[in-house]
Amino acid sequence: MNKADRALENVHNLYVVQFQLLDLLESDLRDPDTRKQVRKTMKEFESLLSSADWRYMGGMDVWETLKSLPLEMGRKLRESSVSTAGSRMGTRKVIKAKVTKTIRKLEKAGRFSKKK
């Protein structure tokens, strides 16, 4: 496996973990087990993001957008104990819209496919 293949695999894994985080947003973040799982998944996401090469993910703007996801999730976790279901869905929709936009941009550039 050459360097480019490893870099693409790392980016693919990053997006897989990103989708796992989005799925966790649909869960009740007030549940301690769910919050623990979110923290674990966020650490994995941050690790993959730190080793990801932005040139293989569509550019620096995509990397910057992904870099903000753990910050948003951390804020969401802090607010979850007092939040309502309506506000959780609002935040989820915003993050999902960002992810969808990023994926479309990558697919258009031919750098990402949901199939593996």
PDB file of N, CA and C in Angstrom:
ATOM      1  N   MET A   1       0.854  -1.168   0.000  1.00  0.00           N
ATOM      2  CA  MET A   1       0.000   0.000   0.000  1.00  0.00           C
ATOM      3  C   MET A   1       0.902   1.233   0.000  1.00  0.00           C
ATOM      4  N   ASN A   2       0.695   2.112  -0.962  1.00  0.00           N
ATOM      5  CA  ASN A   2       1.539   3.297  -1.038  1.00  0.00           C
ATOM      6  C   ASN A   2       1.002   4.427  -0.155  1.00  0.00           C
ATOM      7  N   LYS A   3       1.739   5.524  -0.120  1.00  0.00           N
ATOM      8  CA  LYS A   3       1.412   6.643   0.764  1.00  0.00           C
ATOM      9  C   LYS A   3       0.037   7.231   0.438  1.00  0.00           C
ATOM     10  N   ALA A   4      -0.279   7.366  -0.831  1.00  0.00           N
ATOM     11  CA  ALA A   4      -1.570   7.932  -1.226  1.00  0.00           C
ATOM     12  C   ALA A   4      -2.727   7.030  -0.797  1.00  0.00           C
ATOM     13  N   ASP A   5      -2.550   5.733  -0.936  1.00  0.00           N
ATOM     14  CA  ASP A   5      -3.599   4.793  -0.519  1.00  0.00           C
ATOM     15  C   ASP A   5      -3.834   4.867   0.992  1.00  0.00           C
ATOM     16  N   ARG A   6      -2.751   4.963   1.751  1.00  0.00           N
ATOM     17  CA  ARG A   6      -2.883   5.082   3.208  1.00  0.00           C
ATOM     18  C   ARG A   6      -3.589   6.382   3.594  1.00  0.00           C
ATOM     19  N   ALA A   7      -3.235   7.452   2.898  1.00  0.00           N
ATOM     20  CA  ALA A   7      -3.856   8.754   3.185  1.00  0.00           C
ATOM     21  C   ALA A   7      -5.344   8.721   2.855  1.00  0.00           C
ATOM     22  N   LEU A   8      -5.701   8.100   1.738  1.00  0.00           N
ATOM     23  CA  LEU A   8      -7.113   7.993   1.370  1.00  0.00           C
ATOM     24  C   LEU A   8      -7.881   7.098   2.342  1.00  0.00           C
ATOM     25  N   GLU A   9      -7.246   6.036   2.792  1.00  0.00           N
ATOM     26  CA  GLU A   9      -7.897   5.157   3.762  1.00  0.00           C
ATOM     27  C   GLU A   9      -8.127   5.887   5.085  1.00  0.00           C
ATOM     28  N   ASN A  10      -7.161   6.685   5.486  1.00  0.00           N
ATOM     29  CA  ASN A  10      -7.295   7.464   6.712  1.00  0.00           C
ATOM     30  C   ASN A  10      -8.464   8.454   6.598  1.00  0.00           C
ATOM     31  N   VAL A  11      -8.567   9.118   5.463  1.00  0.00           N
ATOM     32  CA  VAL A  11      -9.668  10.068   5.247  1.00  0.00           C
ATOM     33  C   VAL A  11     -11.001   9.324   5.234  1.00  0.00           C
ATOM     34  N   HIS A  12     -11.031   8.166   4.603  1.00  0.00           N
ATOM     35  CA  HIS A  12     -12.266   7.373   4.580  1.00  0.00           C
ATOM     36  C   HIS A  12     -12.681   6.999   6.003  1.00  0.00           C
ATOM     37  N   ASN A  13     -11.721   6.529   6.806  1.00  0.00           N
ATOM     38  CA  ASN A  13     -12.013   6.178   8.198  1.00  0.00           C
ATOM     39  C   ASN A  13     -12.499   7.392   8.983  1.00  0.00           C
ATOM     40  N   LEU A  14     -11.926   8.534   8.686  1.00  0.00           N
ATOM     41  CA  LEU A  14     -12.350   9.771   9.336  1.00  0.00           C
ATOM     42  C   LEU A  14     -13.826  10.049   9.060  1.00  0.00           C
ATOM     43  N   TYR A  15     -14.242   9.880   7.823  1.00  0.00           N
ATOM     44  CA  TYR A  15     -15.641  10.127   7.469  1.00  0.00           C
ATOM     45  C   TYR A  15     -16.576   9.073   8.071  1.00  0.00           C
ATOM     46  N   VAL A  16     -16.105   7.847   8.192  1.00  0.00           N
ATOM     47  CA  VAL A  16     -16.916   6.807   8.827  1.00  0.00           C
ATOM     48  C   VAL A  16     -17.184   7.178  10.288  1.00  0.00           C
ATOM     49  N   VAL A  17     -16.146   7.608  10.991  1.00  0.00           N
ATOM     50  CA  VAL A  17     -16.302   8.007  12.393  1.00  0.00           C
ATOM     51  C   VAL A  17     -17.180   9.251  12.488  1.00  0.00           C
ATOM     52  N   GLN A  18     -17.065  10.132  11.515  1.00  0.00           N
ATOM     53  CA  GLN A  18     -17.919  11.327  11.506  1.00  0.00           C
ATOM     54  C   GLN A  18     -19.395  10.931  11.427  1.00  0.00           C
ATOM     55  N   PHE A  19     -19.704   9.964  10.606  1.00  0.00           N
ATOM     56  CA  PHE A  19     -21.088   9.501  10.513  1.00  0.00           C
ATOM     57  C   PHE A  19     -21.534   8.837  11.815  1.00  0.00           C
ATOM     58  N   GLN A  20     -20.623   8.155  12.485  1.00  0.00           N
ATOM     59  CA  GLN A  20     -20.962   7.569  13.784  1.00  0.00           C
ATOM     60  C   GLN A  20     -21.310   8.666  14.791  1.00  0.00           C
ATOM     61  N   LEU A  21     -20.557   9.763  14.757  1.00  0.00           N
ATOM     62  CA  LEU A  21     -20.868  10.887  15.644  1.00  0.00           C
ATOM     63  C   LEU A  21     -22.240  11.474  15.336  1.00  0.00           C
ATOM     64  N   LEU A  22     -22.542  11.582  14.061  1.00  0.00           N
ATOM     65  CA  LEU A  22     -23.853  12.123  13.683  1.00  0.00           C
ATOM     66  C   LEU A  22     -24.975  11.210  14.133  1.00  0.00           C
ATOM     67  N   ASP A  23     -24.751   9.918  14.048  1.00  0.00           N
ATOM     68  CA  ASP A  23     -25.764   8.973  14.536  1.00  0.00           C
ATOM     69  C   ASP A  23     -25.953   9.112  16.044  1.00  0.00           C
ATOM     70  N   LEU A  24     -24.859   9.349  16.755  1.00  0.00           N
ATOM     71  CA  LEU A  24     -24.959   9.521  18.204  1.00  0.00           C
ATOM     72  C   LEU A  24     -25.735  10.781  18.571  1.00  0.00           C
ATOM     73  N   LEU A  25     -25.745  11.757  17.684  1.00  0.00           N
ATOM     74  CA  LEU A  25     -26.516  12.976  17.945  1.00  0.00           C
ATOM     75  C   LEU A  25     -28.006  12.688  18.049  1.00  0.00           C
ATOM     76  N   GLU A  26     -28.453  11.634  17.391  1.00  0.00           N
ATOM     77  CA  GLU A  26     -29.863  11.265  17.446  1.00  0.00           C
ATOM     78  C   GLU A  26     -30.209  10.598  18.774  1.00  0.00           C
ATOM     79  N   SER A  27     -29.192  10.179  19.500  1.00  0.00           N
ATOM     80  CA  SER A  27     -29.410   9.525  20.788  1.00  0.00           C
ATOM     81  C   SER A  27     -29.671  10.570  21.865  1.00  0.00           C
ATOM     82  N   ASP A  28     -30.133  10.085  23.007  1.00  0.00           N
ATOM     83  CA  ASP A  28     -30.353  10.954  24.153  1.00  0.00           C
ATOM     84  C   ASP A  28     -29.003  11.210  24.817  1.00  0.00           C
ATOM     85  N   LEU A  29     -28.473  12.407  24.641  1.00  0.00           N
ATOM     86  CA  LEU A  29     -27.161  12.728  25.180  1.00  0.00           C
ATOM     87  C   LEU A  29     -27.180  12.920  26.697  1.00  0.00           C
ATOM     88  N   ARG A  30     -28.341  12.866  27.290  1.00  0.00           N
ATOM     89  CA  ARG A  30     -28.420  12.945  28.752  1.00  0.00           C
ATOM     90  C   ARG A  30     -28.092  11.595  29.383  1.00  0.00           C
ATOM     91  N   ASP A  31     -28.088  10.529  28.587  1.00  0.00           N
ATOM     92  CA  ASP A  31     -27.756   9.187  29.068  1.00  0.00           C
ATOM     93  C   ASP A  31     -26.236   9.095  29.271  1.00  0.00           C
ATOM     94  N   PRO A  32     -25.780   8.722  30.465  1.00  0.00           N
ATOM     95  CA  PRO A  32     -24.333   8.662  30.737  1.00  0.00           C
ATOM     96  C   PRO A  32     -23.566   7.718  29.806  1.00  0.00           C
ATOM     97  N   ASP A  33     -24.166   6.589  29.443  1.00  0.00           N
ATOM     98  CA  ASP A  33     -23.484   5.653  28.543  1.00  0.00           C
ATOM     99  C   ASP A  33     -23.311   6.253  27.150  1.00  0.00           C
ATOM    100  N   THR A  34     -24.326   6.956  26.688  1.00  0.00           N
ATOM    101  CA  THR A  34     -24.244   7.604  25.377  1.00  0.00           C
ATOM    102  C   THR A  34     -23.185   8.703  25.401  1.00  0.00           C
ATOM    103  N   ARG A  35     -23.166   9.474  26.468  1.00  0.00           N
ATOM    104  CA  ARG A  35     -22.171  10.544  26.586  1.00  0.00           C
ATOM    105  C   ARG A  35     -20.755   9.952  26.587  1.00  0.00           C
ATOM    106  N   LYS A  36     -20.575   8.820  27.251  1.00  0.00           N
ATOM    107  CA  LYS A  36     -19.268   8.146  27.280  1.00  0.00           C
ATOM    108  C   LYS A  36     -18.882   7.696  25.869  1.00  0.00           C
ATOM    109  N   GLN A  37     -19.841   7.142  25.143  1.00  0.00           N
ATOM    110  CA  GLN A  37     -19.587   6.694  23.772  1.00  0.00           C
ATOM    111  C   GLN A  37     -19.251   7.880  22.866  1.00  0.00           C
ATOM    112  N   VAL A  38     -19.946   8.999  23.055  1.00  0.00           N
ATOM    113  CA  VAL A  38     -19.658  10.195  22.252  1.00  0.00           C
ATOM    114  C   VAL A  38     -18.230  10.660  22.516  1.00  0.00           C
ATOM    115  N   ARG A  39     -17.830  10.710  23.767  1.00  0.00           N
ATOM    116  CA  ARG A  39     -16.459  11.142  24.097  1.00  0.00           C
ATOM    117  C   ARG A  39     -15.417  10.209  23.477  1.00  0.00           C
ATOM    118  N   LYS A  40     -15.664   8.919  23.538  1.00  0.00           N
ATOM    119  CA  LYS A  40     -14.739   7.936  22.960  1.00  0.00           C
ATOM    120  C   LYS A  40     -14.651   8.127  21.441  1.00  0.00           C
ATOM    121  N   THR A  41     -15.799   8.289  20.797  1.00  0.00           N
ATOM    122  CA  THR A  41     -15.826   8.468  19.345  1.00  0.00           C
ATOM    123  C   THR A  41     -15.187   9.795  18.946  1.00  0.00           C
ATOM    124  N   MET A  42     -15.389  10.832  19.755  1.00  0.00           N
ATOM    125  CA  MET A  42     -14.760  12.126  19.467  1.00  0.00           C
ATOM    126  C   MET A  42     -13.233  12.022  19.540  1.00  0.00           C
ATOM    127  N   LYS A  43     -12.720  11.276  20.509  1.00  0.00           N
ATOM    128  CA  LYS A  43     -11.266  11.099  20.611  1.00  0.00           C
ATOM    129  C   LYS A  43     -10.723  10.385  19.382  1.00  0.00           C
ATOM    130  N   GLU A  44     -11.446   9.356  18.939  1.00  0.00           N
ATOM    131  CA  GLU A  44     -11.031   8.633  17.737  1.00  0.00           C
ATOM    132  C   GLU A  44     -11.061   9.564  16.518  1.00  0.00           C
ATOM    133  N   PHE A  45     -12.120  10.363  16.417  1.00  0.00           N
ATOM    134  CA  PHE A  45     -12.254  11.315  15.310  1.00  0.00           C
ATOM    135  C   PHE A  45     -11.098  12.319  15.327  1.00  0.00           C
ATOM    136  N   GLU A  46     -10.807  12.871  16.499  1.00  0.00           N
ATOM    137  CA  GLU A  46      -9.724  13.847  16.606  1.00  0.00           C
ATOM    138  C   GLU A  46      -8.375  13.232  16.254  1.00  0.00           C
ATOM    139  N   SER A  47      -8.170  11.979  16.634  1.00  0.00           N
ATOM    140  CA  SER A  47      -6.929  11.290  16.309  1.00  0.00           C
ATOM    141  C   SER A  47      -6.791  11.112  14.792  1.00  0.00           C
ATOM    142  N   LEU A  48      -7.868  10.661  14.174  1.00  0.00           N
ATOM    143  CA  LEU A  48      -7.837  10.493  12.717  1.00  0.00           C
ATOM    144  C   LEU A  48      -7.660  11.831  12.015  1.00  0.00           C
ATOM    145  N   LEU A  49      -8.315  12.860  12.525  1.00  0.00           N
ATOM    146  CA  LEU A  49      -8.218  14.182  11.902  1.00  0.00           C
ATOM    147  C   LEU A  49      -6.801  14.738  12.005  1.00  0.00           C
ATOM    148  N   SER A  50      -6.149  14.492  13.134  1.00  0.00           N
ATOM    149  CA  SER A  50      -4.788  15.007  13.305  1.00  0.00           C
ATOM    150  C   SER A  50      -3.803  14.325  12.355  1.00  0.00           C
ATOM    151  N   SER A  51      -4.094  13.100  11.970  1.00  0.00           N
ATOM    152  CA  SER A  51      -3.186  12.397  11.059  1.00  0.00           C
ATOM    153  C   SER A  51      -3.638  12.464   9.598  1.00  0.00           C
ATOM    154  N   ALA A  52      -4.790  13.088   9.361  1.00  0.00           N
ATOM    155  CA  ALA A  52      -5.314  13.170   7.996  1.00  0.00           C
ATOM    156  C   ALA A  52      -4.579  14.252   7.205  1.00  0.00           C
ATOM    157  N   ASP A  53      -4.410  13.994   5.941  1.00  0.00           N
ATOM    158  CA  ASP A  53      -3.785  14.950   5.030  1.00  0.00           C
ATOM    159  C   ASP A  53      -4.897  15.707   4.316  1.00  0.00           C
ATOM    160  N   TRP A  54      -4.952  17.016   4.542  1.00  0.00           N
ATOM    161  CA  TRP A  54      -6.046  17.819   3.998  1.00  0.00           C
ATOM    162  C   TRP A  54      -6.094  17.783   2.479  1.00  0.00           C
ATOM    163  N   ARG A  55      -4.995  17.470   1.835  1.00  0.00           N
ATOM    164  CA  ARG A  55      -4.983  17.422   0.364  1.00  0.00           C
ATOM    165  C   ARG A  55      -5.813  16.269  -0.186  1.00  0.00           C
ATOM    166  N   TYR A  56      -6.056  15.248   0.662  1.00  0.00           N
ATOM    167  CA  TYR A  56      -6.835  14.095   0.233  1.00  0.00           C
ATOM    168  C   TYR A  56      -8.302  14.199   0.645  1.00  0.00           C
ATOM    169  N   MET A  57      -8.674  15.300   1.258  1.00  0.00           N
ATOM    170  CA  MET A  57     -10.059  15.447   1.694  1.00  0.00           C
ATOM    171  C   MET A  57     -10.760  16.627   1.042  1.00  0.00           C
ATOM    172  N   GLY A  58     -10.206  17.175   0.015  1.00  0.00           N
ATOM    173  CA  GLY A  58     -10.881  18.227  -0.728  1.00  0.00           C
ATOM    174  C   GLY A  58     -10.364  19.621  -0.466  1.00  0.00           C
ATOM    175  N   GLY A  59      -9.398  19.772   0.392  1.00  0.00           N
ATOM    176  CA  GLY A  59      -8.820  21.084   0.625  1.00  0.00           C
ATOM    177  C   GLY A  59      -8.804  21.474   2.090  1.00  0.00           C
ATOM    178  N   MET A  60      -8.149  22.582   2.334  1.00  0.00           N
ATOM    179  CA  MET A  60      -8.001  23.082   3.698  1.00  0.00           C
ATOM    180  C   MET A  60      -9.341  23.496   4.293  1.00  0.00           C
ATOM    181  N   ASP A  61     -10.272  24.001   3.470  1.00  0.00           N
ATOM    182  CA  ASP A  61     -11.578  24.423   3.998  1.00  0.00           C
ATOM    183  C   ASP A  61     -12.363  23.230   4.546  1.00  0.00           C
ATOM    184  N   VAL A  62     -12.238  22.085   3.902  1.00  0.00           N
ATOM    185  CA  VAL A  62     -12.904  20.874   4.388  1.00  0.00           C
ATOM    186  C   VAL A  62     -12.294  20.463   5.719  1.00  0.00           C
ATOM    187  N   TRP A  63     -10.972  20.509   5.813  1.00  0.00           N
ATOM    188  CA  TRP A  63     -10.289  20.155   7.055  1.00  0.00           C
ATOM    189  C   TRP A  63     -10.717  21.087   8.185  1.00  0.00           C
ATOM    190  N   GLU A  64     -10.813  22.385   7.899  1.00  0.00           N
ATOM    191  CA  GLU A  64     -11.241  23.360   8.911  1.00  0.00           C
ATOM    192  C   GLU A  64     -12.662  23.068   9.384  1.00  0.00           C
ATOM    193  N   THR A  65     -13.540  22.698   8.456  1.00  0.00           N
ATOM    194  CA  THR A  65     -14.920  22.374   8.827  1.00  0.00           C
ATOM    195  C   THR A  65     -14.954  21.143   9.730  1.00  0.00           C
ATOM    196  N   LEU A  66     -14.192  20.134   9.379  1.00  0.00           N
ATOM    197  CA  LEU A  66     -14.146  18.924  10.193  1.00  0.00           C
ATOM    198  C   LEU A  66     -13.513  19.181  11.554  1.00  0.00           C
ATOM    199  N   LYS A  67     -12.563  20.100  11.595  1.00  0.00           N
ATOM    200  CA  LYS A  67     -11.896  20.438  12.845  1.00  0.00           C
ATOM    201  C   LYS A  67     -12.884  21.052  13.848  1.00  0.00           C
ATOM    202  N   SER A  68     -13.930  21.704  13.337  1.00  0.00           N
ATOM    203  CA  SER A  68     -14.904  22.339  14.228  1.00  0.00           C
ATOM    204  C   SER A  68     -15.910  21.343  14.800  1.00  0.00           C
ATOM    205  N   LEU A  69     -16.028  20.162  14.214  1.00  0.00           N
ATOM    206  CA  LEU A  69     -17.013  19.183  14.681  1.00  0.00           C
ATOM    207  C   LEU A  69     -16.798  18.758  16.145  1.00  0.00           C
ATOM    208  N   PRO A  70     -15.584  18.400  16.571  1.00  0.00           N
ATOM    209  CA  PRO A  70     -15.416  18.029  17.981  1.00  0.00           C
ATOM    210  C   PRO A  70     -15.748  19.181  18.935  1.00  0.00           C
ATOM    211  N   LEU A  71     -15.460  20.398  18.514  1.00  0.00           N
ATOM    212  CA  LEU A  71     -15.801  21.551  19.352  1.00  0.00           C
ATOM    213  C   LEU A  71     -17.307  21.684  19.504  1.00  0.00           C
ATOM    214  N   GLU A  72     -18.023  21.506  18.406  1.00  0.00           N
ATOM    215  CA  GLU A  72     -19.479  21.575  18.449  1.00  0.00           C
ATOM    216  C   GLU A  72     -20.058  20.424  19.278  1.00  0.00           C
ATOM    217  N   MET A  73     -19.487  19.243  19.127  1.00  0.00           N
ATOM    218  CA  MET A  73     -19.970  18.095  19.893  1.00  0.00           C
ATOM    219  C   MET A  73     -19.691  18.288  21.381  1.00  0.00           C
ATOM    220  N   GLY A  74     -18.545  18.841  21.720  1.00  0.00           N
ATOM    221  CA  GLY A  74     -18.232  19.113  23.116  1.00  0.00           C
ATOM    222  C   GLY A  74     -19.208  20.113  23.720  1.00  0.00           C
ATOM    223  N   ARG A  75     -19.518  21.146  22.954  1.00  0.00           N
ATOM    224  CA  ARG A  75     -20.500  22.124  23.406  1.00  0.00           C
ATOM    225  C   ARG A  75     -21.852  21.459  23.578  1.00  0.00           C
ATOM    226  N   LYS A  76     -22.186  20.604  22.652  1.00  0.00           N
ATOM    227  CA  LYS A  76     -23.465  19.900  22.703  1.00  0.00           C
ATOM    228  C   LYS A  76     -23.543  19.008  23.949  1.00  0.00           C
ATOM    229  N   LEU A  77     -22.457  18.338  24.278  1.00  0.00           N
ATOM    230  CA  LEU A  77     -22.435  17.493  25.474  1.00  0.00           C
ATOM    231  C   LEU A  77     -22.628  18.320  26.745  1.00  0.00           C
ATOM    232  N   ARG A  78     -21.984  19.486  26.779  1.00  0.00           N
ATOM    233  CA  ARG A  78     -22.125  20.339  27.957  1.00  0.00           C
ATOM    234  C   ARG A  78     -23.555  20.847  28.112  1.00  0.00           C
ATOM    235  N   GLU A  79     -24.202  21.112  26.997  1.00  0.00           N
ATOM    236  CA  GLU A  79     -25.564  21.644  27.035  1.00  0.00           C
ATOM    237  C   GLU A  79     -26.624  20.560  27.163  1.00  0.00           C
ATOM    238  N   SER A  80     -26.251  19.318  26.960  1.00  0.00           N
ATOM    239  CA  SER A  80     -27.239  18.239  26.865  1.00  0.00           C
ATOM    240  C   SER A  80     -28.042  18.019  28.137  1.00  0.00           C
ATOM    241  N   SER A  81     -27.463  18.304  29.261  1.00  0.00           N
ATOM    242  CA  SER A  81     -28.191  18.041  30.499  1.00  0.00           C
ATOM    243  C   SER A  81     -29.364  18.998  30.694  1.00  0.00           C
ATOM    244  N   VAL A  82     -29.351  20.133  30.020  1.00  0.00           N
ATOM    245  CA  VAL A  82     -30.449  21.083  30.170  1.00  0.00           C
ATOM    246  C   VAL A  82     -31.181  21.344  28.858  1.00  0.00           C
ATOM    247  N   SER A  83     -30.745  20.686  27.793  1.00  0.00           N
ATOM    248  CA  SER A  83     -31.353  20.952  26.491  1.00  0.00           C
ATOM    249  C   SER A  83     -32.671  20.211  26.317  1.00  0.00           C
ATOM    250  N   THR A  84     -33.414  20.665  25.336  1.00  0.00           N
ATOM    251  CA  THR A  84     -34.665  20.000  24.989  1.00  0.00           C
ATOM    252  C   THR A  84     -34.485  19.240  23.694  1.00  0.00           C
ATOM    253  N   ALA A  85     -35.419  18.362  23.393  1.00  0.00           N
ATOM    254  CA  ALA A  85     -35.329  17.561  22.160  1.00  0.00           C
ATOM    255  C   ALA A  85     -35.317  18.460  20.932  1.00  0.00           C
ATOM    256  N   GLY A  86     -36.038  19.539  20.961  1.00  0.00           N
ATOM    257  CA  GLY A  86     -36.092  20.444  19.804  1.00  0.00           C
ATOM    258  C   GLY A  86     -34.752  21.067  19.501  1.00  0.00           C
ATOM    259  N   SER A  87     -34.021  21.503  20.515  1.00  0.00           N
ATOM    260  CA  SER A  87     -32.725  22.127  20.268  1.00  0.00           C
ATOM    261  C   SER A  87     -31.699  21.100  19.808  1.00  0.00           C
ATOM    262  N   ARG A  88     -31.803  19.843  20.283  1.00  0.00           N
ATOM    263  CA  ARG A  88     -30.889  18.795  19.812  1.00  0.00           C
ATOM    264  C   ARG A  88     -31.071  18.573  18.326  1.00  0.00           C
ATOM    265  N   MET A  89     -32.308  18.535  17.890  1.00  0.00           N
ATOM    266  CA  MET A  89     -32.560  18.306  16.475  1.00  0.00           C
ATOM    267  C   MET A  89     -32.071  19.485  15.643  1.00  0.00           C
ATOM    268  N   GLY A  90     -32.191  20.703  16.174  1.00  0.00           N
ATOM    269  CA  GLY A  90     -31.706  21.873  15.442  1.00  0.00           C
ATOM    270  C   GLY A  90     -30.209  21.806  15.213  1.00  0.00           C
ATOM    271  N   THR A  91     -29.446  21.464  16.227  1.00  0.00           N
ATOM    272  CA  THR A  91     -27.996  21.347  16.108  1.00  0.00           C
ATOM    273  C   THR A  91     -27.633  20.211  15.165  1.00  0.00           C
ATOM    274  N   ARG A  92     -28.325  19.101  15.257  1.00  0.00           N
ATOM    275  CA  ARG A  92     -28.062  17.965  14.396  1.00  0.00           C
ATOM    276  C   ARG A  92     -28.259  18.338  12.935  1.00  0.00           C
ATOM    277  N   LYS A  93     -29.314  19.095  12.652  1.00  0.00           N
ATOM    278  CA  LYS A  93     -29.586  19.488  11.267  1.00  0.00           C
ATOM    279  C   LYS A  93     -28.481  20.379  10.720  1.00  0.00           C
ATOM    280  N   VAL A  94     -27.966  21.289  11.544  1.00  0.00           N
ATOM    281  CA  VAL A  94     -26.886  22.165  11.100  1.00  0.00           C
ATOM    282  C   VAL A  94     -25.635  21.361  10.785  1.00  0.00           C
ATOM    283  N   ILE A  95     -25.262  20.455  11.689  1.00  0.00           N
ATOM    284  CA  ILE A  95     -24.064  19.639  11.477  1.00  0.00           C
ATOM    285  C   ILE A  95     -24.256  18.724  10.275  1.00  0.00           C
ATOM    286  N   LYS A  96     -25.439  18.119  10.159  1.00  0.00           N
ATOM    287  CA  LYS A  96     -25.696  17.229   9.026  1.00  0.00           C
ATOM    288  C   LYS A  96     -25.609  17.995   7.712  1.00  0.00           C
ATOM    289  N   ALA A  97     -26.105  19.240   7.689  1.00  0.00           N
ATOM    290  CA  ALA A  97     -26.029  20.049   6.468  1.00  0.00           C
ATOM    291  C   ALA A  97     -24.573  20.319   6.095  1.00  0.00           C
ATOM    292  N   LYS A  98     -23.721  20.594   7.092  1.00  0.00           N
ATOM    293  CA  LYS A  98     -22.299  20.821   6.822  1.00  0.00           C
ATOM    294  C   LYS A  98     -21.636  19.565   6.269  1.00  0.00           C
ATOM    295  N   VAL A  99     -21.960  18.430   6.876  1.00  0.00           N
ATOM    296  CA  VAL A  99     -21.373  17.160   6.435  1.00  0.00           C
ATOM    297  C   VAL A  99     -21.818  16.838   5.015  1.00  0.00           C
ATOM    298  N   THR A 100     -23.105  16.998   4.753  1.00  0.00           N
ATOM    299  CA  THR A 100     -23.632  16.711   3.425  1.00  0.00           C
ATOM    300  C   THR A 100     -22.961  17.590   2.379  1.00  0.00           C
ATOM    301  N   LYS A 101     -22.791  18.869   2.689  1.00  0.00           N
ATOM    302  CA  LYS A 101     -22.141  19.789   1.764  1.00  0.00           C
ATOM    303  C   LYS A 101     -20.699  19.362   1.505  1.00  0.00           C
ATOM    304  N   THR A 102     -19.998  18.979   2.565  1.00  0.00           N
ATOM    305  CA  THR A 102     -18.611  18.545   2.429  1.00  0.00           C
ATOM    306  C   THR A 102     -18.509  17.280   1.588  1.00  0.00           C
ATOM    307  N   ILE A 103     -19.389  16.322   1.837  1.00  0.00           N
ATOM    308  CA  ILE A 103     -19.358  15.069   1.086  1.00  0.00           C
ATOM    309  C   ILE A 103     -19.666  15.314  -0.387  1.00  0.00           C
ATOM    310  N   ARG A 104     -20.643  16.131  -0.669  1.00  0.00           N
ATOM    311  CA  ARG A 104     -20.956  16.438  -2.070  1.00  0.00           C
ATOM    312  C   ARG A 104     -19.772  17.081  -2.765  1.00  0.00           C
ATOM    313  N   LYS A 105     -19.103  17.972  -2.058  1.00  0.00           N
ATOM    314  CA  LYS A 105     -17.935  18.635  -2.625  1.00  0.00           C
ATOM    315  C   LYS A 105     -16.837  17.613  -2.937  1.00  0.00           C
ATOM    316  N   LEU A 106     -16.615  16.684  -2.010  1.00  0.00           N
ATOM    317  CA  LEU A 106     -15.594  15.655  -2.220  1.00  0.00           C
ATOM    318  C   LEU A 106     -15.975  14.694  -3.330  1.00  0.00           C
ATOM    319  N   GLU A 107     -17.242  14.311  -3.382  1.00  0.00           N
ATOM    320  CA  GLU A 107     -17.697  13.413  -4.444  1.00  0.00           C
ATOM    321  C   GLU A 107     -17.566  14.080  -5.805  1.00  0.00           C
ATOM    322  N   LYS A 108     -17.875  15.370  -5.856  1.00  0.00           N
ATOM    323  CA  LYS A 108     -17.755  16.097  -7.116  1.00  0.00           C
ATOM    324  C   LYS A 108     -16.302  16.147  -7.577  1.00  0.00           C
ATOM    325  N   ALA A 109     -15.386  16.280  -6.614  1.00  0.00           N
ATOM    326  CA  ALA A 109     -13.963  16.318  -6.933  1.00  0.00           C
ATOM    327  C   ALA A 109     -13.414  14.915  -7.192  1.00  0.00           C
ATOM    328  N   GLY A 110     -14.241  13.873  -6.950  1.00  0.00           N
ATOM    329  CA  GLY A 110     -13.808  12.503  -7.190  1.00  0.00           C
ATOM    330  C   GLY A 110     -12.893  11.964  -6.104  1.00  0.00           C
ATOM    331  N   ARG A 111     -12.954  12.547  -4.917  1.00  0.00           N
ATOM    332  CA  ARG A 111     -12.049  12.145  -3.848  1.00  0.00           C
ATOM    333  C   ARG A 111     -12.727  11.352  -2.747  1.00  0.00           C
ATOM    334  N   PHE A 112     -14.021  11.109  -2.843  1.00  0.00           N
ATOM    335  CA  PHE A 112     -14.700  10.389  -1.771  1.00  0.00           C
ATOM    336  C   PHE A 112     -15.876   9.646  -2.355  1.00  0.00           C
ATOM    337  N   SER A 113     -16.041   8.446  -1.857  1.00  0.00           N
ATOM    338  CA  SER A 113     -17.194   7.639  -2.226  1.00  0.00           C
ATOM    339  C   SER A 113     -17.655   6.917  -0.974  1.00  0.00           C
ATOM    340  N   LYS A 114     -18.971   6.835  -0.764  1.00  0.00           N
ATOM    341  CA  LYS A 114     -19.491   6.160   0.419  1.00  0.00           C
ATOM    342  C   LYS A 114     -19.237   4.668   0.360  1.00  0.00           C
ATOM    343  N   LYS A 115     -19.016   4.138  -0.825  1.00  0.00           N
ATOM    344  CA  LYS A 115     -18.755   2.707  -0.995  1.00  0.00           C
ATOM    345  C   LYS A 115     -17.296   2.452  -0.725  1.00  0.00           C
ATOM    346  N   LYS A 116     -17.013   1.296  -0.185  1.00  0.00           N
ATOM    347  CA  LYS A 116     -15.621   0.915   0.018  1.00  0.00           C
ATOM    348  C   LYS A 116     -15.384  -0.455  -0.567  1.00  0.00           C
TER     349      LYS A 116
END
